[in-house]
N, C-alpha and C. Protein backbone atom coordinates (compact mmCIF):
# COMPACT_ATOMS: atom_id res chain seq x y z
N MET A 1 127.76 145.14 121.39
CA MET A 1 126.79 144.30 122.17
C MET A 1 127.61 143.65 123.26
N ASN A 2 127.03 143.64 124.51
CA ASN A 2 127.76 142.99 125.47
C ASN A 2 127.65 141.49 125.44
N VAL A 3 128.62 140.92 126.34
CA VAL A 3 128.62 139.33 126.14
C VAL A 3 127.47 138.81 126.72
N GLU A 4 126.91 139.06 127.69
CA GLU A 4 125.64 138.73 128.44
C GLU A 4 124.59 138.60 127.37
N ALA A 5 124.37 139.75 126.70
CA ALA A 5 123.11 139.78 125.68
C ALA A 5 123.39 138.94 124.44
N ASP A 6 124.70 138.97 124.07
CA ASP A 6 125.07 138.03 122.95
C ASP A 6 124.81 136.56 123.26
N SER A 7 125.31 136.18 124.57
CA SER A 7 125.01 134.74 125.14
C SER A 7 123.53 134.42 125.02
N MET A 8 122.74 135.35 125.66
CA MET A 8 121.19 135.11 125.71
C MET A 8 120.60 134.78 124.27
N ILE A 9 121.12 135.87 123.23
CA ILE A 9 120.55 135.70 121.98
C ILE A 9 120.88 134.26 121.35
N ASP A 10 122.26 133.90 121.70
CA ASP A 10 122.65 132.71 121.01
C ASP A 10 121.86 131.48 121.82
N THR A 11 121.55 131.55 122.97
CA THR A 11 120.81 130.57 123.78
C THR A 11 119.31 130.58 123.14
N LEU A 12 118.81 131.66 122.93
CA LEU A 12 117.39 131.76 122.36
C LEU A 12 117.27 131.11 121.04
N TYR A 13 118.23 131.28 120.24
CA TYR A 13 118.40 130.92 118.92
C TYR A 13 118.56 129.43 118.78
N ALA A 14 119.44 128.93 119.77
CA ALA A 14 119.70 127.51 119.78
C ALA A 14 118.37 126.78 120.21
N LEU A 15 117.67 127.26 121.29
CA LEU A 15 116.49 126.77 121.77
C LEU A 15 115.48 126.73 120.66
N ALA A 16 115.29 127.90 119.84
CA ALA A 16 114.32 127.77 118.69
C ALA A 16 114.61 126.59 117.66
N MET A 17 116.00 126.56 117.40
CA MET A 17 116.36 125.51 116.25
C MET A 17 116.25 124.12 116.99
N LEU A 18 116.44 123.98 118.22
CA LEU A 18 116.25 122.63 118.83
C LEU A 18 114.74 122.31 118.70
N VAL A 19 113.84 123.03 119.07
CA VAL A 19 112.36 122.90 118.75
C VAL A 19 112.13 122.59 117.38
N CYS A 20 112.53 123.25 116.38
CA CYS A 20 112.25 122.93 115.06
C CYS A 20 112.86 121.61 114.63
N ASN A 21 114.07 121.33 115.07
CA ASN A 21 114.56 119.87 114.72
C ASN A 21 114.02 118.92 115.40
N LYS A 22 113.44 118.98 116.61
CA LYS A 22 112.69 118.00 117.29
C LYS A 22 111.42 117.71 116.71
N MET A 23 110.65 118.79 116.36
CA MET A 23 109.31 118.62 115.64
C MET A 23 109.54 118.15 114.16
N ILE A 24 110.53 118.25 113.51
CA ILE A 24 110.86 117.60 112.24
C ILE A 24 111.01 116.05 112.52
N LYS A 25 111.82 115.83 113.61
CA LYS A 25 112.06 114.43 113.89
C LYS A 25 110.59 113.84 114.30
N ASN A 26 109.85 114.34 115.10
CA ASN A 26 108.69 113.98 115.52
C ASN A 26 107.61 113.69 114.37
N GLN A 27 107.63 114.59 113.35
CA GLN A 27 106.82 114.35 112.24
C GLN A 27 107.21 113.15 111.46
N GLN A 28 108.56 113.04 111.27
CA GLN A 28 109.11 111.76 110.42
C GLN A 28 108.70 110.40 111.24
N ILE A 29 108.81 110.55 112.58
CA ILE A 29 108.31 109.36 113.34
C ILE A 29 106.86 109.08 113.29
N LEU A 30 106.15 110.12 113.27
CA LEU A 30 104.57 110.00 113.01
C LEU A 30 104.39 109.22 111.68
N LEU A 31 105.04 109.81 110.77
CA LEU A 31 104.65 109.29 109.30
C LEU A 31 105.19 107.78 109.11
N GLU A 32 106.40 107.67 109.79
CA GLU A 32 106.92 106.12 109.63
C GLU A 32 106.12 105.21 110.42
N LYS A 33 105.52 105.56 111.56
CA LYS A 33 104.73 104.69 112.44
C LYS A 33 103.31 104.50 111.49
N TRP A 34 102.75 105.36 110.76
CA TRP A 34 101.52 105.31 110.03
C TRP A 34 101.96 104.14 108.79
N ARG A 35 103.14 104.61 108.09
CA ARG A 35 103.42 103.63 107.08
C ARG A 35 103.78 102.16 107.49
N LYS A 36 104.06 102.07 108.53
CA LYS A 36 104.29 100.71 109.02
C LYS A 36 102.95 99.85 109.42
N ASN A 37 102.06 100.68 110.01
CA ASN A 37 100.82 100.05 110.31
C ASN A 37 99.66 100.06 109.10
N ARG A 38 99.77 101.19 108.40
CA ARG A 38 98.74 101.46 107.24
C ARG A 38 97.25 101.30 107.80
N ASN A 39 97.03 101.75 108.96
CA ASN A 39 95.77 101.59 109.42
C ASN A 39 94.97 103.00 109.01
N PRO A 40 94.03 102.81 108.23
CA PRO A 40 93.29 103.87 107.61
C PRO A 40 92.52 104.73 108.78
N PHE A 41 92.17 104.10 109.87
CA PHE A 41 91.45 104.94 110.90
C PHE A 41 92.39 105.72 111.63
N ASN A 42 93.70 105.54 111.51
CA ASN A 42 94.65 106.52 112.28
C ASN A 42 95.14 107.56 111.37
N LEU A 43 94.82 107.53 109.97
CA LEU A 43 95.27 108.45 109.10
C LEU A 43 94.88 109.80 109.44
N SER A 44 93.55 110.34 109.82
CA SER A 44 93.20 111.41 110.08
C SER A 44 93.92 112.07 111.25
N GLU A 45 94.13 111.20 112.32
CA GLU A 45 94.91 111.58 113.53
C GLU A 45 96.23 111.88 113.15
N THR A 46 96.88 110.83 112.32
CA THR A 46 98.33 111.19 112.01
C THR A 46 98.50 112.56 111.16
N ILE A 47 97.43 112.83 110.42
CA ILE A 47 97.65 114.11 109.51
C ILE A 47 97.41 115.19 110.33
N GLU A 48 96.54 115.12 111.37
CA GLU A 48 96.47 116.25 112.42
C GLU A 48 97.63 116.49 113.20
N GLN A 49 98.27 115.35 113.73
CA GLN A 49 99.52 115.56 114.41
C GLN A 49 100.75 116.17 113.62
N VAL A 50 100.75 115.68 112.45
CA VAL A 50 101.75 116.18 111.57
C VAL A 50 101.44 117.60 111.11
N ASN A 51 100.34 118.02 111.08
CA ASN A 51 100.00 119.45 110.82
C ASN A 51 100.37 120.25 111.97
N ILE A 52 100.04 119.82 113.24
CA ILE A 52 100.61 120.59 114.35
C ILE A 52 102.02 120.73 114.45
N CYS A 53 102.77 119.64 114.01
CA CYS A 53 104.19 119.61 113.92
C CYS A 53 104.73 120.72 113.04
N GLN A 54 104.12 120.70 111.83
CA GLN A 54 104.40 121.65 110.80
C GLN A 54 104.24 123.08 111.32
N GLN A 55 103.21 123.46 111.97
CA GLN A 55 102.77 124.60 112.40
C GLN A 55 103.90 125.14 113.41
N ILE A 56 104.28 124.21 114.30
CA ILE A 56 105.20 124.43 115.32
C ILE A 56 106.45 124.77 114.71
N ILE A 57 106.96 123.99 113.70
CA ILE A 57 108.16 124.33 113.00
C ILE A 57 108.09 125.73 112.36
N ARG A 58 106.99 126.05 111.50
CA ARG A 58 106.83 127.32 110.94
C ARG A 58 107.05 128.56 112.10
N ASP A 59 106.38 128.21 113.15
CA ASP A 59 106.32 129.22 114.25
C ASP A 59 107.87 129.61 114.69
N PHE A 60 108.55 128.23 115.02
CA PHE A 60 109.84 128.61 115.61
C PHE A 60 110.86 129.15 114.55
N GLN A 61 110.70 128.71 113.24
CA GLN A 61 111.53 129.18 112.29
C GLN A 61 111.44 130.72 112.10
N SER A 62 110.14 131.17 112.25
CA SER A 62 109.85 132.59 112.18
C SER A 62 110.63 133.22 113.42
N ILE A 63 110.45 132.59 114.51
CA ILE A 63 111.14 133.05 115.80
C ILE A 63 112.59 133.04 115.75
N SER A 64 113.12 132.18 115.08
CA SER A 64 114.62 132.16 114.72
C SER A 64 114.99 133.22 113.93
N ARG A 65 114.23 133.38 112.83
CA ARG A 65 114.55 134.69 112.00
C ARG A 65 114.50 135.94 112.74
N GLU A 66 113.47 136.19 113.57
CA GLU A 66 113.34 137.38 114.50
C GLU A 66 114.52 137.60 115.34
N ILE A 67 115.05 136.50 115.97
CA ILE A 67 116.32 136.36 116.74
C ILE A 67 117.53 136.82 115.98
N LYS A 68 117.67 136.37 114.78
CA LYS A 68 118.74 136.75 114.02
C LYS A 68 118.70 138.26 113.56
N MET A 69 117.40 138.71 113.27
CA MET A 69 117.27 140.28 112.79
C MET A 69 117.48 140.90 114.13
N THR A 70 117.19 140.58 115.28
CA THR A 70 117.36 141.41 116.56
C THR A 70 118.79 141.38 116.81
N ARG A 71 119.65 140.42 116.56
CA ARG A 71 121.09 140.34 116.87
C ARG A 71 121.73 141.44 115.97
N GLN A 72 121.17 141.44 114.59
CA GLN A 72 121.70 142.18 113.50
C GLN A 72 121.55 143.77 113.97
N GLU A 73 120.19 143.99 114.46
CA GLU A 73 119.82 145.44 115.01
C GLU A 73 120.72 145.75 116.17
N LEU A 74 121.07 144.95 117.00
CA LEU A 74 121.78 145.15 118.30
C LEU A 74 123.30 145.51 117.87
N LEU A 75 123.76 144.80 116.73
CA LEU A 75 125.23 144.99 116.19
C LEU A 75 125.23 146.36 115.62
N GLU A 76 124.05 146.77 114.82
CA GLU A 76 124.19 148.02 114.13
C GLU A 76 123.99 149.22 115.04
N GLU A 77 122.98 149.10 116.02
CA GLU A 77 122.54 150.21 116.82
C GLU A 77 122.26 149.76 118.29
N PRO A 78 123.43 149.40 118.98
CA PRO A 78 123.16 148.94 120.39
C PRO A 78 122.69 149.85 121.31
N GLU A 79 122.92 151.22 121.02
CA GLU A 79 122.55 152.24 122.09
C GLU A 79 120.98 152.31 122.08
N SER A 80 120.24 151.96 120.91
CA SER A 80 118.88 152.08 120.85
C SER A 80 118.08 151.07 121.73
N TRP A 81 118.80 149.88 122.05
CA TRP A 81 118.35 148.90 122.69
C TRP A 81 118.46 149.14 124.33
N PHE A 82 119.51 149.74 124.64
CA PHE A 82 119.85 149.76 126.08
C PHE A 82 120.06 151.00 126.51
N SER A 83 118.96 152.18 126.03
CA SER A 83 119.01 153.41 126.43
C SER A 83 117.83 153.73 127.34
């Protein structure tokens, strides 16, 4: 695999993991805010926001797995990607 492709894959993987980590942090902040306030009217909104964060985390974890698999495929059969 050439250096440019390897670098792009590294960048994509890093971005996917950055999004996952950011969403995990956002989810923790949302829950902490709700725990401090304990406002029952905000509970459904908080749950909805946490669910959105969890879906984004799952999506980007899936993307990062795909990136890893693509890297492995490129290492095993680079000619099939660049022919």
